[in-house]
Amino acid sequence: MKKIMVLAFVFPLLLISLAQAGQLSGKVTKILSGDTLKINVQGKEWKIRLAGITCPNLRQPNGQQARKLTRKIAFGKRVVIKPKGMDRYGATVGEVILPNGSNLGHELVKAGLGRYSRTSPK
């Protein structure tokens, strides 16, 4: 219980410091769904959810296609994350900028596999 309380206190502080720095950079190590991925930043794995974008869940129509496109575009690449906050599960919510300067979320929307969402994932 103490560990959870400490983590609940430390992670927001860490996120605030990253947001003040403006970004973090790491290699994409896993694609969980079209709008959720994991990156490695200096040996630490971060779960990232796309800010302002939502994709179908894996079991919904086009969910697997969204995941495949995210894998094709981002897997194994060094990306820049512009943090916007945290979701209720502790994932960092942010924009994912690809090596060519494009925004991953925008690419998913252009392909018809994601849509803009007024609220970030919760």
PDB file of N, CA and C in Angstrom:
ATOM      1  N   MET A   1       0.816  -1.188   0.000  1.00  0.00           N
ATOM      2  CA  MET A   1       0.000   0.000   0.000  1.00  0.00           C
ATOM      3  C   MET A   1       0.865   1.260   0.000  1.00  0.00           C
ATOM      4  N   LYS A   2       1.969   1.234   0.798  1.00  0.00           N
ATOM      5  CA  LYS A   2       2.857   2.391   0.840  1.00  0.00           C
ATOM      6  C   LYS A   2       3.481   2.658  -0.522  1.00  0.00           C
ATOM      7  N   LYS A   3       3.856   1.563  -1.224  1.00  0.00           N
ATOM      8  CA  LYS A   3       4.471   1.719  -2.542  1.00  0.00           C
ATOM      9  C   LYS A   3       3.520   2.402  -3.513  1.00  0.00           C
ATOM     10  N   ILE A   4       2.255   2.019  -3.465  1.00  0.00           N
ATOM     11  CA  ILE A   4       1.261   2.624  -4.355  1.00  0.00           C
ATOM     12  C   ILE A   4       1.129   4.106  -4.059  1.00  0.00           C
ATOM     13  N   MET A   5       1.104   4.465  -2.787  1.00  0.00           N
ATOM     14  CA  MET A   5       0.979   5.869  -2.418  1.00  0.00           C
ATOM     15  C   MET A   5       2.203   6.655  -2.868  1.00  0.00           C
ATOM     16  N   VAL A   6       3.380   6.070  -2.708  1.00  0.00           N
ATOM     17  CA  VAL A   6       4.601   6.748  -3.140  1.00  0.00           C
ATOM     18  C   VAL A   6       4.588   6.923  -4.652  1.00  0.00           C
ATOM     19  N   LEU A   7       4.216   5.863  -5.380  1.00  0.00           N
ATOM     20  CA  LEU A   7       4.162   5.955  -6.837  1.00  0.00           C
ATOM     21  C   LEU A   7       3.131   6.982  -7.283  1.00  0.00           C
ATOM     22  N   ALA A   8       1.996   7.026  -6.607  1.00  0.00           N
ATOM     23  CA  ALA A   8       0.957   7.992  -6.958  1.00  0.00           C
ATOM     24  C   ALA A   8       1.463   9.419  -6.759  1.00  0.00           C
ATOM     25  N   PHE A   9       2.396   9.612  -5.865  1.00  0.00           N
ATOM     26  CA  PHE A   9       2.971  10.927  -5.622  1.00  0.00           C
ATOM     27  C   PHE A   9       4.136  11.217  -6.559  1.00  0.00           C
ATOM     28  N   VAL A  10       4.993  10.233  -6.796  1.00  0.00           N
ATOM     29  CA  VAL A  10       6.207  10.433  -7.582  1.00  0.00           C
ATOM     30  C   VAL A  10       5.923  10.577  -9.075  1.00  0.00           C
ATOM     31  N   PHE A  11       5.061   9.735  -9.635  1.00  0.00           N
ATOM     32  CA  PHE A  11       4.815   9.788 -11.083  1.00  0.00           C
ATOM     33  C   PHE A  11       4.292  11.133 -11.555  1.00  0.00           C
ATOM     34  N   PRO A  12       3.314  11.744 -10.890  1.00  0.00           N
ATOM     35  CA  PRO A  12       2.892  13.078 -11.344  1.00  0.00           C
ATOM     36  C   PRO A  12       4.019  14.102 -11.295  1.00  0.00           C
ATOM     37  N   LEU A  13       4.869  14.025 -10.263  1.00  0.00           N
ATOM     38  CA  LEU A  13       6.000  14.953 -10.196  1.00  0.00           C
ATOM     39  C   LEU A  13       6.958  14.731 -11.352  1.00  0.00           C
ATOM     40  N   LEU A  14       7.209  13.460 -11.664  1.00  0.00           N
ATOM     41  CA  LEU A  14       8.076  13.136 -12.787  1.00  0.00           C
ATOM     42  C   LEU A  14       7.473  13.641 -14.090  1.00  0.00           C
ATOM     43  N   LEU A  15       6.182  13.450 -14.266  1.00  0.00           N
ATOM     44  CA  LEU A  15       5.514  13.905 -15.478  1.00  0.00           C
ATOM     45  C   LEU A  15       5.557  15.420 -15.596  1.00  0.00           C
ATOM     46  N   ILE A  16       5.362  16.112 -14.475  1.00  0.00           N
ATOM     47  CA  ILE A  16       5.424  17.574 -14.496  1.00  0.00           C
ATOM     48  C   ILE A  16       6.810  18.031 -14.923  1.00  0.00           C
ATOM     49  N   SER A  17       7.851  17.385 -14.395  1.00  0.00           N
ATOM     50  CA  SER A  17       9.211  17.780 -14.769  1.00  0.00           C
ATOM     51  C   SER A  17       9.473  17.500 -16.243  1.00  0.00           C
ATOM     52  N   LEU A  18       8.921  16.391 -16.761  1.00  0.00           N
ATOM     53  CA  LEU A  18       9.080  16.092 -18.191  1.00  0.00           C
ATOM     54  C   LEU A  18       8.326  17.102 -19.037  1.00  0.00           C
ATOM     55  N   ALA A  19       7.123  17.459 -18.601  1.00  0.00           N
ATOM     56  CA  ALA A  19       6.333  18.429 -19.352  1.00  0.00           C
ATOM     57  C   ALA A  19       7.033  19.781 -19.371  1.00  0.00           C
ATOM     58  N   GLN A  20       7.686  20.123 -18.256  1.00  0.00           N
ATOM     59  CA  GLN A  20       8.428  21.370 -18.233  1.00  0.00           C
ATOM     60  C   GLN A  20       9.611  21.304 -19.186  1.00  0.00           C
ATOM     61  N   ALA A  21      10.223  20.153 -19.282  1.00  0.00           N
ATOM     62  CA  ALA A  21      11.319  19.983 -20.226  1.00  0.00           C
ATOM     63  C   ALA A  21      10.770  19.978 -21.649  1.00  0.00           C
ATOM     64  N   GLY A  22       9.481  19.674 -21.798  1.00  0.00           N
ATOM     65  CA  GLY A  22       8.825  19.754 -23.083  1.00  0.00           C
ATOM     66  C   GLY A  22       8.694  18.438 -23.820  1.00  0.00           C
ATOM     67  N   GLN A  23       9.529  17.475 -23.523  1.00  0.00           N
ATOM     68  CA  GLN A  23       9.448  16.232 -24.278  1.00  0.00           C
ATOM     69  C   GLN A  23      10.337  15.163 -23.679  1.00  0.00           C
ATOM     70  N   LEU A  24      10.107  13.939 -24.121  1.00  0.00           N
ATOM     71  CA  LEU A  24      11.030  12.858 -23.836  1.00  0.00           C
ATOM     72  C   LEU A  24      11.203  12.069 -25.119  1.00  0.00           C
ATOM     73  N   SER A  25      12.276  11.347 -25.210  1.00  0.00           N
ATOM     74  CA  SER A  25      12.603  10.640 -26.437  1.00  0.00           C
ATOM     75  C   SER A  25      12.974   9.203 -26.103  1.00  0.00           C
ATOM     76  N   GLY A  26      12.527   8.281 -26.934  1.00  0.00           N
ATOM     77  CA  GLY A  26      12.850   6.883 -26.711  1.00  0.00           C
ATOM     78  C   GLY A  26      12.504   6.031 -27.913  1.00  0.00           C
ATOM     79  N   LYS A  27      12.864   4.767 -27.812  1.00  0.00           N
ATOM     80  CA  LYS A  27      12.624   3.810 -28.885  1.00  0.00           C
ATOM     81  C   LYS A  27      11.328   3.056 -28.609  1.00  0.00           C
ATOM     82  N   VAL A  28      10.493   2.917 -29.628  1.00  0.00           N
ATOM     83  CA  VAL A  28       9.234   2.190 -29.494  1.00  0.00           C
ATOM     84  C   VAL A  28       9.552   0.704 -29.406  1.00  0.00           C
ATOM     85  N   THR A  29       9.115   0.070 -28.297  1.00  0.00           N
ATOM     86  CA  THR A  29       9.434  -1.330 -28.059  1.00  0.00           C
ATOM     87  C   THR A  29       8.234  -2.264 -28.195  1.00  0.00           C
ATOM     88  N   LYS A  30       7.020  -1.718 -28.094  1.00  0.00           N
ATOM     89  CA  LYS A  30       5.833  -2.567 -28.166  1.00  0.00           C
ATOM     90  C   LYS A  30       4.633  -1.735 -28.588  1.00  0.00           C
ATOM     91  N   ILE A  31       3.776  -2.344 -29.402  1.00  0.00           N
ATOM     92  CA  ILE A  31       2.521  -1.716 -29.813  1.00  0.00           C
ATOM     93  C   ILE A  31       1.395  -2.479 -29.142  1.00  0.00           C
ATOM     94  N   LEU A  32       0.687  -1.831 -28.246  1.00  0.00           N
ATOM     95  CA  LEU A  32      -0.391  -2.490 -27.516  1.00  0.00           C
ATOM     96  C   LEU A  32      -1.711  -2.405 -28.272  1.00  0.00           C
ATOM     97  N   SER A  33      -1.951  -1.274 -28.922  1.00  0.00           N
ATOM     98  CA  SER A  33      -3.140  -1.068 -29.750  1.00  0.00           C
ATOM     99  C   SER A  33      -2.831   0.089 -30.687  1.00  0.00           C
ATOM    100  N   GLY A  34      -3.796   0.494 -31.481  1.00  0.00           N
ATOM    101  CA  GLY A  34      -3.546   1.590 -32.414  1.00  0.00           C
ATOM    102  C   GLY A  34      -3.129   2.874 -31.734  1.00  0.00           C
ATOM    103  N   ASP A  35      -3.672   3.119 -30.546  1.00  0.00           N
ATOM    104  CA  ASP A  35      -3.390   4.374 -29.862  1.00  0.00           C
ATOM    105  C   ASP A  35      -2.594   4.225 -28.564  1.00  0.00           C
ATOM    106  N   THR A  36      -2.006   3.062 -28.345  1.00  0.00           N
ATOM    107  CA  THR A  36      -1.226   2.833 -27.122  1.00  0.00           C
ATOM    108  C   THR A  36       0.044   2.049 -27.459  1.00  0.00           C
ATOM    109  N   LEU A  37       1.172   2.536 -26.959  1.00  0.00           N
ATOM    110  CA  LEU A  37       2.444   1.883 -27.236  1.00  0.00           C
ATOM    111  C   LEU A  37       3.368   2.017 -26.037  1.00  0.00           C
ATOM    112  N   LYS A  38       4.467   1.304 -26.080  1.00  0.00           N
ATOM    113  CA  LYS A  38       5.477   1.404 -25.035  1.00  0.00           C
ATOM    114  C   LYS A  38       6.774   1.867 -25.667  1.00  0.00           C
ATOM    115  N   ILE A  39       7.477   2.731 -24.938  1.00  0.00           N
ATOM    116  CA  ILE A  39       8.782   3.191 -25.393  1.00  0.00           C
ATOM    117  C   ILE A  39       9.801   2.990 -24.281  1.00  0.00           C
ATOM    118  N   ASN A  40      11.038   2.848 -24.676  1.00  0.00           N
ATOM    119  CA  ASN A  40      12.133   2.708 -23.730  1.00  0.00           C
ATOM    120  C   ASN A  40      12.878   4.039 -23.701  1.00  0.00           C
ATOM    121  N   VAL A  41      12.910   4.642 -22.508  1.00  0.00           N
ATOM    122  CA  VAL A  41      13.628   5.892 -22.306  1.00  0.00           C
ATOM    123  C   VAL A  41      14.716   5.623 -21.278  1.00  0.00           C
ATOM    124  N   GLN A  42      15.945   5.577 -21.717  1.00  0.00           N
ATOM    125  CA  GLN A  42      17.100   5.344 -20.847  1.00  0.00           C
ATOM    126  C   GLN A  42      16.895   4.144 -19.927  1.00  0.00           C
ATOM    127  N   GLY A  43      16.445   3.043 -20.508  1.00  0.00           N
ATOM    128  CA  GLY A  43      16.291   1.799 -19.759  1.00  0.00           C
ATOM    129  C   GLY A  43      14.977   1.649 -19.012  1.00  0.00           C
ATOM    130  N   LYS A  44      14.128   2.659 -19.019  1.00  0.00           N
ATOM    131  CA  LYS A  44      12.840   2.579 -18.346  1.00  0.00           C
ATOM    132  C   LYS A  44      11.727   2.534 -19.397  1.00  0.00           C
ATOM    133  N   GLU A  45      10.789   1.600 -19.208  1.00  0.00           N
ATOM    134  CA  GLU A  45       9.688   1.465 -20.162  1.00  0.00           C
ATOM    135  C   GLU A  45       8.523   2.381 -19.768  1.00  0.00           C
ATOM    136  N   TRP A  46       8.027   3.119 -20.739  1.00  0.00           N
ATOM    137  CA  TRP A  46       6.904   4.037 -20.535  1.00  0.00           C
ATOM    138  C   TRP A  46       5.734   3.599 -21.401  1.00  0.00           C
ATOM    139  N   LYS A  47       4.554   3.589 -20.824  1.00  0.00           N
ATOM    140  CA  LYS A  47       3.337   3.333 -21.588  1.00  0.00           C
ATOM    141  C   LYS A  47       2.798   4.681 -22.044  1.00  0.00           C
ATOM    142  N   ILE A  48       2.563   4.807 -23.341  1.00  0.00           N
ATOM    143  CA  ILE A  48       2.124   6.067 -23.930  1.00  0.00           C
ATOM    144  C   ILE A  48       0.775   5.866 -24.612  1.00  0.00           C
ATOM    145  N   ARG A  49      -0.160   6.775 -24.345  1.00  0.00           N
ATOM    146  CA  ARG A  49      -1.444   6.796 -25.050  1.00  0.00           C
ATOM    147  C   ARG A  49      -1.499   8.090 -25.837  1.00  0.00           C
ATOM    148  N   LEU A  50      -1.994   8.011 -27.047  1.00  0.00           N
ATOM    149  CA  LEU A  50      -2.039   9.183 -27.909  1.00  0.00           C
ATOM    150  C   LEU A  50      -3.015  10.219 -27.374  1.00  0.00           C
ATOM    151  N   ALA A  51      -2.576  11.447 -27.303  1.00  0.00           N
ATOM    152  CA  ALA A  51      -3.417  12.548 -26.842  1.00  0.00           C
ATOM    153  C   ALA A  51      -4.345  12.993 -27.968  1.00  0.00           C
ATOM    154  N   GLY A  52      -5.624  13.115 -27.648  1.00  0.00           N
ATOM    155  CA  GLY A  52      -6.588  13.654 -28.600  1.00  0.00           C
ATOM    156  C   GLY A  52      -6.974  12.723 -29.729  1.00  0.00           C
ATOM    157  N   ILE A  53      -6.530  11.485 -29.673  1.00  0.00           N
ATOM    158  CA  ILE A  53      -6.811  10.507 -30.735  1.00  0.00           C
ATOM    159  C   ILE A  53      -7.339   9.238 -30.094  1.00  0.00           C
ATOM    160  N   THR A  54      -8.308   8.633 -30.726  1.00  0.00           N
ATOM    161  CA  THR A  54      -8.771   7.329 -30.277  1.00  0.00           C
ATOM    162  C   THR A  54      -8.866   6.392 -31.474  1.00  0.00           C
ATOM    163  N   CYS A  55      -8.523   5.152 -31.251  1.00  0.00           N
ATOM    164  CA  CYS A  55      -8.608   4.110 -32.274  1.00  0.00           C
ATOM    165  C   CYS A  55      -9.560   3.029 -31.767  1.00  0.00           C
ATOM    166  N   PRO A  56     -10.114   2.229 -32.674  1.00  0.00           N
ATOM    167  CA  PRO A  56     -10.968   1.128 -32.222  1.00  0.00           C
ATOM    168  C   PRO A  56     -10.171   0.158 -31.344  1.00  0.00           C
ATOM    169  N   ASN A  57     -10.864  -0.446 -30.378  1.00  0.00           N
ATOM    170  CA  ASN A  57     -10.241  -1.489 -29.564  1.00  0.00           C
ATOM    171  C   ASN A  57      -9.898  -2.664 -30.464  1.00  0.00           C
ATOM    172  N   LEU A  58      -8.994  -3.514 -30.031  1.00  0.00           N
ATOM    173  CA  LEU A  58      -8.505  -4.608 -30.867  1.00  0.00           C
ATOM    174  C   LEU A  58      -9.609  -5.539 -31.355  1.00  0.00           C
ATOM    175  N   ARG A  59     -10.656  -5.718 -30.579  1.00  0.00           N
ATOM    176  CA  ARG A  59     -11.741  -6.623 -30.971  1.00  0.00           C
ATOM    177  C   ARG A  59     -12.828  -5.934 -31.789  1.00  0.00           C
ATOM    178  N   GLN A  60     -12.734  -4.632 -31.961  1.00  0.00           N
ATOM    179  CA  GLN A  60     -13.699  -3.889 -32.769  1.00  0.00           C
ATOM    180  C   GLN A  60     -13.243  -3.873 -34.226  1.00  0.00           C
ATOM    181  N   PRO A  61     -14.178  -3.603 -35.140  1.00  0.00           N
ATOM    182  CA  PRO A  61     -13.778  -3.485 -36.546  1.00  0.00           C
ATOM    183  C   PRO A  61     -12.654  -2.462 -36.703  1.00  0.00           C
ATOM    184  N   ASN A  62     -11.666  -2.805 -37.468  1.00  0.00           N
ATOM    185  CA  ASN A  62     -10.483  -1.984 -37.770  1.00  0.00           C
ATOM    186  C   ASN A  62      -9.500  -1.833 -36.607  1.00  0.00           C
ATOM    187  N   GLY A  63      -9.764  -2.471 -35.475  1.00  0.00           N
ATOM    188  CA  GLY A  63      -8.837  -2.392 -34.347  1.00  0.00           C
ATOM    189  C   GLY A  63      -7.491  -3.013 -34.658  1.00  0.00           C
ATOM    190  N   GLN A  64      -7.505  -4.192 -35.269  1.00  0.00           N
ATOM    191  CA  GLN A  64      -6.249  -4.859 -35.630  1.00  0.00           C
ATOM    192  C   GLN A  64      -5.506  -4.076 -36.719  1.00  0.00           C
ATOM    193  N   GLN A  65      -6.262  -3.484 -37.654  1.00  0.00           N
ATOM    194  CA  GLN A  65      -5.631  -2.694 -38.718  1.00  0.00           C
ATOM    195  C   GLN A  65      -4.954  -1.456 -38.149  1.00  0.00           C
ATOM    196  N   ALA A  66      -5.597  -0.827 -37.163  1.00  0.00           N
ATOM    197  CA  ALA A  66      -4.987   0.350 -36.524  1.00  0.00           C
ATOM    198  C   ALA A  66      -3.684  -0.042 -35.830  1.00  0.00           C
ATOM    199  N   ARG A  67      -3.709  -1.173 -35.148  1.00  0.00           N
ATOM    200  CA  ARG A  67      -2.503  -1.651 -34.469  1.00  0.00           C
ATOM    201  C   ARG A  67      -1.403  -1.961 -35.491  1.00  0.00           C
ATOM    202  N   LYS A  68      -1.767  -2.599 -36.587  1.00  0.00           N
ATOM    203  CA  LYS A  68      -0.770  -2.933 -37.624  1.00  0.00           C
ATOM    204  C   LYS A  68      -0.159  -1.676 -38.229  1.00  0.00           C
ATOM    205  N   LEU A  69      -0.981  -0.647 -38.466  1.00  0.00           N
ATOM    206  CA  LEU A  69      -0.446   0.588 -39.032  1.00  0.00           C
ATOM    207  C   LEU A  69       0.489   1.270 -38.036  1.00  0.00           C
ATOM    208  N   THR A  70       0.095   1.303 -36.768  1.00  0.00           N
ATOM    209  CA  THR A  70       0.968   1.893 -35.750  1.00  0.00           C
ATOM    210  C   THR A  70       2.291   1.137 -35.695  1.00  0.00           C
ATOM    211  N   ARG A  71       2.222  -0.193 -35.765  1.00  0.00           N
ATOM    212  CA  ARG A  71       3.446  -1.010 -35.759  1.00  0.00           C
ATOM    213  C   ARG A  71       4.312  -0.660 -36.981  1.00  0.00           C
ATOM    214  N   LYS A  72       3.692  -0.583 -38.144  1.00  0.00           N
ATOM    215  CA  LYS A  72       4.435  -0.296 -39.372  1.00  0.00           C
ATOM    216  C   LYS A  72       5.109   1.081 -39.320  1.00  0.00           C
ATOM    217  N   ILE A  73       4.394   2.058 -38.791  1.00  0.00           N
ATOM    218  CA  ILE A  73       4.900   3.427 -38.769  1.00  0.00           C
ATOM    219  C   ILE A  73       5.916   3.662 -37.658  1.00  0.00           C
ATOM    220  N   ALA A  74       5.695   3.054 -36.469  1.00  0.00           N
ATOM    221  CA  ALA A  74       6.472   3.476 -35.308  1.00  0.00           C
ATOM    222  C   ALA A  74       7.373   2.420 -34.668  1.00  0.00           C
ATOM    223  N   PHE A  75       7.071   1.141 -34.818  1.00  0.00           N
ATOM    224  CA  PHE A  75       7.815   0.123 -34.072  1.00  0.00           C
ATOM    225  C   PHE A  75       9.310   0.165 -34.381  1.00  0.00           C
ATOM    226  N   GLY A  76      10.113   0.144 -33.314  1.00  0.00           N
ATOM    227  CA  GLY A  76      11.567   0.125 -33.451  1.00  0.00           C
ATOM    228  C   GLY A  76      12.186   1.477 -33.741  1.00  0.00           C
ATOM    229  N   LYS A  77      11.370   2.497 -33.865  1.00  0.00           N
ATOM    230  CA  LYS A  77      11.888   3.828 -34.189  1.00  0.00           C
ATOM    231  C   LYS A  77      12.030   4.675 -32.934  1.00  0.00           C
ATOM    232  N   ARG A  78      12.924   5.634 -33.035  1.00  0.00           N
ATOM    233  CA  ARG A  78      13.118   6.591 -31.954  1.00  0.00           C
ATOM    234  C   ARG A  78      12.111   7.711 -32.167  1.00  0.00           C
ATOM    235  N   VAL A  79      11.259   7.919 -31.174  1.00  0.00           N
ATOM    236  CA  VAL A  79      10.212   8.926 -31.272  1.00  0.00           C
ATOM    237  C   VAL A  79      10.379   9.963 -30.164  1.00  0.00           C
ATOM    238  N   VAL A  80       9.717  11.084 -30.355  1.00  0.00           N
ATOM    239  CA  VAL A  80       9.678  12.141 -29.351  1.00  0.00           C
ATOM    240  C   VAL A  80       8.255  12.203 -28.816  1.00  0.00           C
ATOM    241  N   ILE A  81       8.125  12.246 -27.506  1.00  0.00           N
ATOM    242  CA  ILE A  81       6.826  12.336 -26.865  1.00  0.00           C
ATOM    243  C   ILE A  81       6.685  13.727 -26.273  1.00  0.00           C
ATOM    244  N   LYS A  82       5.552  14.364 -26.572  1.00  0.00           N
ATOM    245  CA  LYS A  82       5.213  15.644 -25.958  1.00  0.00           C
ATOM    246  C   LYS A  82       4.107  15.361 -24.948  1.00  0.00           C
ATOM    247  N   PRO A  83       4.480  15.182 -23.672  1.00  0.00           N
ATOM    248  CA  PRO A  83       3.504  14.788 -22.657  1.00  0.00           C
ATOM    249  C   PRO A  83       2.427  15.846 -22.444  1.00  0.00           C
ATOM    250  N   LYS A  84       1.197  15.362 -22.237  1.00  0.00           N
ATOM    251  CA  LYS A  84       0.057  16.239 -21.967  1.00  0.00           C
ATOM    252  C   LYS A  84      -0.572  15.940 -20.618  1.00  0.00           C
ATOM    253  N   GLY A  85      -0.284  14.770 -20.048  1.00  0.00           N
ATOM    254  CA  GLY A  85      -0.875  14.388 -18.770  1.00  0.00           C
ATOM    255  C   GLY A  85      -0.754  12.888 -18.573  1.00  0.00           C
ATOM    256  N   MET A  86      -1.579  12.379 -17.665  1.00  0.00           N
ATOM    257  CA  MET A  86      -1.611  10.945 -17.384  1.00  0.00           C
ATOM    258  C   MET A  86      -3.054  10.483 -17.406  1.00  0.00           C
ATOM    259  N   ASP A  87      -3.267   9.226 -17.817  1.00  0.00           N
ATOM    260  CA  ASP A  87      -4.615   8.679 -17.753  1.00  0.00           C
ATOM    261  C   ASP A  87      -4.817   8.015 -16.394  1.00  0.00           C
ATOM    262  N   ARG A  88      -6.012   7.518 -16.160  1.00  0.00           N
ATOM    263  CA  ARG A  88      -6.313   6.958 -14.836  1.00  0.00           C
ATOM    264  C   ARG A  88      -5.566   5.662 -14.550  1.00  0.00           C
ATOM    265  N   TYR A  89      -4.941   5.067 -15.569  1.00  0.00           N
ATOM    266  CA  TYR A  89      -4.180   3.829 -15.388  1.00  0.00           C
ATOM    267  C   TYR A  89      -2.685   4.080 -15.224  1.00  0.00           C
ATOM    268  N   GLY A  90      -2.288   5.334 -15.225  1.00  0.00           N
ATOM    269  CA  GLY A  90      -0.882   5.668 -15.037  1.00  0.00           C
ATOM    270  C   GLY A  90      -0.081   5.803 -16.315  1.00  0.00           C
ATOM    271  N   ALA A  91      -0.723   5.671 -17.471  1.00  0.00           N
ATOM    272  CA  ALA A  91      -0.014   5.844 -18.742  1.00  0.00           C
ATOM    273  C   ALA A  91       0.156   7.335 -19.029  1.00  0.00           C
ATOM    274  N   THR A  92       1.258   7.672 -19.658  1.00  0.00           N
ATOM    275  CA  THR A  92       1.477   9.039 -20.089  1.00  0.00           C
ATOM    276  C   THR A  92       0.653   9.293 -21.341  1.00  0.00           C
ATOM    277  N   VAL A  93      -0.083  10.382 -21.347  1.00  0.00           N
ATOM    278  CA  VAL A  93      -0.868  10.780 -22.509  1.00  0.00           C
ATOM    279  C   VAL A  93      -0.067  11.871 -23.209  1.00  0.00           C
ATOM    280  N   GLY A  94       0.193  11.691 -24.501  1.00  0.00           N
ATOM    281  CA  GLY A  94       0.981  12.692 -25.203  1.00  0.00           C
ATOM    282  C   GLY A  94       0.950  12.520 -26.701  1.00  0.00           C
ATOM    283  N   GLU A  95       1.528  13.497 -27.362  1.00  0.00           N
ATOM    284  CA  GLU A  95       1.686  13.430 -28.813  1.00  0.00           C
ATOM    285  C   GLU A  95       2.943  12.624 -29.103  1.00  0.00           C
ATOM    286  N   VAL A  96       2.883  11.792 -30.135  1.00  0.00           N
ATOM    287  CA  VAL A  96       4.032  10.993 -30.542  1.00  0.00           C
ATOM    288  C   VAL A  96       4.515  11.534 -31.881  1.00  0.00           C
ATOM    289  N   ILE A  97       5.730  12.055 -31.880  1.00  0.00           N
ATOM    290  CA  ILE A  97       6.320  12.622 -33.091  1.00  0.00           C
ATOM    291  C   ILE A  97       7.322  11.614 -33.649  1.00  0.00           C
ATOM    292  N   LEU A  98       7.108  11.245 -34.898  1.00  0.00           N
ATOM    293  CA  LEU A  98       7.933  10.235 -35.574  1.00  0.00           C
ATOM    294  C   LEU A  98       9.243  10.840 -36.076  1.00  0.00           C
ATOM    295  N   PRO A  99      10.214  10.013 -36.436  1.00  0.00           N
ATOM    296  CA  PRO A  99      11.518  10.523 -36.892  1.00  0.00           C
ATOM    297  C   PRO A  99      11.425  11.490 -38.082  1.00  0.00           C
ATOM    298  N   ASN A 100      10.409  11.321 -38.924  1.00  0.00           N
ATOM    299  CA  ASN A 100      10.272  12.215 -40.077  1.00  0.00           C
ATOM    300  C   ASN A 100       9.544  13.512 -39.726  1.00  0.00           C
ATOM    301  N   GLY A 101       9.188  13.692 -38.438  1.00  0.00           N
ATOM    302  CA  GLY A 101       8.537  14.917 -37.986  1.00  0.00           C
ATOM    303  C   GLY A 101       7.016  14.861 -37.983  1.00  0.00           C
ATOM    304  N   SER A 102       6.443  13.777 -38.511  1.00  0.00           N
ATOM    305  CA  SER A 102       4.980  13.677 -38.538  1.00  0.00           C
ATOM    306  C   SER A 102       4.454  13.192 -37.193  1.00  0.00           C
ATOM    307  N   ASN A 103       3.181  13.440 -36.965  1.00  0.00           N
ATOM    308  CA  ASN A 103       2.510  13.083 -35.731  1.00  0.00           C
ATOM    309  C   ASN A 103       1.808  11.740 -35.939  1.00  0.00           C
ATOM    310  N   LEU A 104       2.097  10.756 -35.089  1.00  0.00           N
ATOM    311  CA  LEU A 104       1.519   9.417 -35.235  1.00  0.00           C
ATOM    312  C   LEU A 104      -0.004   9.463 -35.229  1.00  0.00           C
ATOM    313  N   GLY A 105      -0.587  10.208 -34.318  1.00  0.00           N
ATOM    314  CA  GLY A 105      -2.041  10.302 -34.246  1.00  0.00           C
ATOM    315  C   GLY A 105      -2.646  10.844 -35.526  1.00  0.00           C
ATOM    316  N   HIS A 106      -2.026  11.862 -36.100  1.00  0.00           N
ATOM    317  CA  HIS A 106      -2.516  12.444 -37.346  1.00  0.00           C
ATOM    318  C   HIS A 106      -2.444  11.440 -38.487  1.00  0.00           C
ATOM    319  N   GLU A 107      -1.389  10.633 -38.499  1.00  0.00           N
ATOM    320  CA  GLU A 107      -1.245   9.606 -39.536  1.00  0.00           C
ATOM    321  C   GLU A 107      -2.363   8.566 -39.431  1.00  0.00           C
ATOM    322  N   LEU A 108      -2.744   8.197 -38.212  1.00  0.00           N
ATOM    323  CA  LEU A 108      -3.838   7.239 -38.018  1.00  0.00           C
ATOM    324  C   LEU A 108      -5.166   7.822 -38.488  1.00  0.00           C
ATOM    325  N   VAL A 109      -5.377   9.100 -38.216  1.00  0.00           N
ATOM    326  CA  VAL A 109      -6.612   9.754 -38.664  1.00  0.00           C
ATOM    327  C   VAL A 109      -6.643   9.829 -40.191  1.00  0.00           C
ATOM    328  N   LYS A 110      -5.527  10.229 -40.797  1.00  0.00           N
ATOM    329  CA  LYS A 110      -5.459  10.306 -42.267  1.00  0.00           C
ATOM    330  C   LYS A 110      -5.769   8.961 -42.914  1.00  0.00           C
ATOM    331  N   ALA A 111      -5.339   7.876 -42.277  1.00  0.00           N
ATOM    332  CA  ALA A 111      -5.561   6.530 -42.815  1.00  0.00           C
ATOM    333  C   ALA A 111      -6.978   6.028 -42.534  1.00  0.00           C
ATOM    334  N   GLY A 112      -7.757   6.792 -41.768  1.00  0.00           N
ATOM    335  CA  GLY A 112      -9.118   6.384 -41.451  1.00  0.00           C
ATOM    336  C   GLY A 112      -9.203   5.355 -40.329  1.00  0.00           C
ATOM    337  N   LEU A 113      -8.114   5.176 -39.584  1.00  0.00           N
ATOM    338  CA  LEU A 113      -8.088   4.173 -38.516  1.00  0.00           C
ATOM    339  C   LEU A 113      -8.106   4.781 -37.121  1.00  0.00           C
ATOM    340  N   GLY A 114      -8.166   6.084 -37.051  1.00  0.00           N
ATOM    341  CA  GLY A 114      -8.262   6.790 -35.781  1.00  0.00           C
ATOM    342  C   GLY A 114      -9.163   7.992 -35.975  1.00  0.00           C
ATOM    343  N   ARG A 115      -9.612   8.555 -34.869  1.00  0.00           N
ATOM    344  CA  ARG A 115     -10.421   9.763 -34.972  1.00  0.00           C
ATOM    345  C   ARG A 115     -10.015  10.710 -33.852  1.00  0.00           C
ATOM    346  N   TYR A 116     -10.234  11.989 -34.130  1.00  0.00           N
ATOM    347  CA  TYR A 116      -9.949  12.985 -33.117  1.00  0.00           C
ATOM    348  C   TYR A 116     -10.954  12.857 -31.985  1.00  0.00           C
ATOM    349  N   SER A 117     -10.483  13.093 -30.784  1.00  0.00           N
ATOM    350  CA  SER A 117     -11.325  12.989 -29.605  1.00  0.00           C
ATOM    351  C   SER A 117     -11.100  14.240 -28.763  1.00  0.00           C
ATOM    352  N   ARG A 118     -12.169  14.878 -28.349  1.00  0.00           N
ATOM    353  CA  ARG A 118     -12.019  16.086 -27.523  1.00  0.00           C
ATOM    354  C   ARG A 118     -11.371  15.774 -26.187  1.00  0.00           C
ATOM    355  N   THR A 119     -11.666  14.613 -25.678  1.00  0.00           N
ATOM    356  CA  THR A 119     -11.075  14.224 -24.394  1.00  0.00           C
ATOM    357  C   THR A 119      -9.990  13.194 -24.651  1.00  0.00           C
ATOM    358  N   SER A 120      -8.920  13.321 -23.904  1.00  0.00           N
ATOM    359  CA  SER A 120      -7.844  12.354 -24.012  1.00  0.00           C
ATOM    360  C   SER A 120      -8.298  11.035 -23.408  1.00  0.00           C
ATOM    361  N   PRO A 121      -7.624   9.934 -23.751  1.00  0.00           N
ATOM    362  CA  PRO A 121      -7.993   8.652 -23.167  1.00  0.00           C
ATOM    363  C   PRO A 121      -7.973   8.699 -21.653  1.00  0.00           C
ATOM    364  N   LYS A 122      -8.925   8.012 -21.026  1.00  0.00           N
ATOM    365  CA  LYS A 122      -8.978   8.002 -19.565  1.00  0.00           C
ATOM    366  C   LYS A 122      -8.730   6.637 -19.039  1.00  0.00           C
TER     367      LYS A 122
END
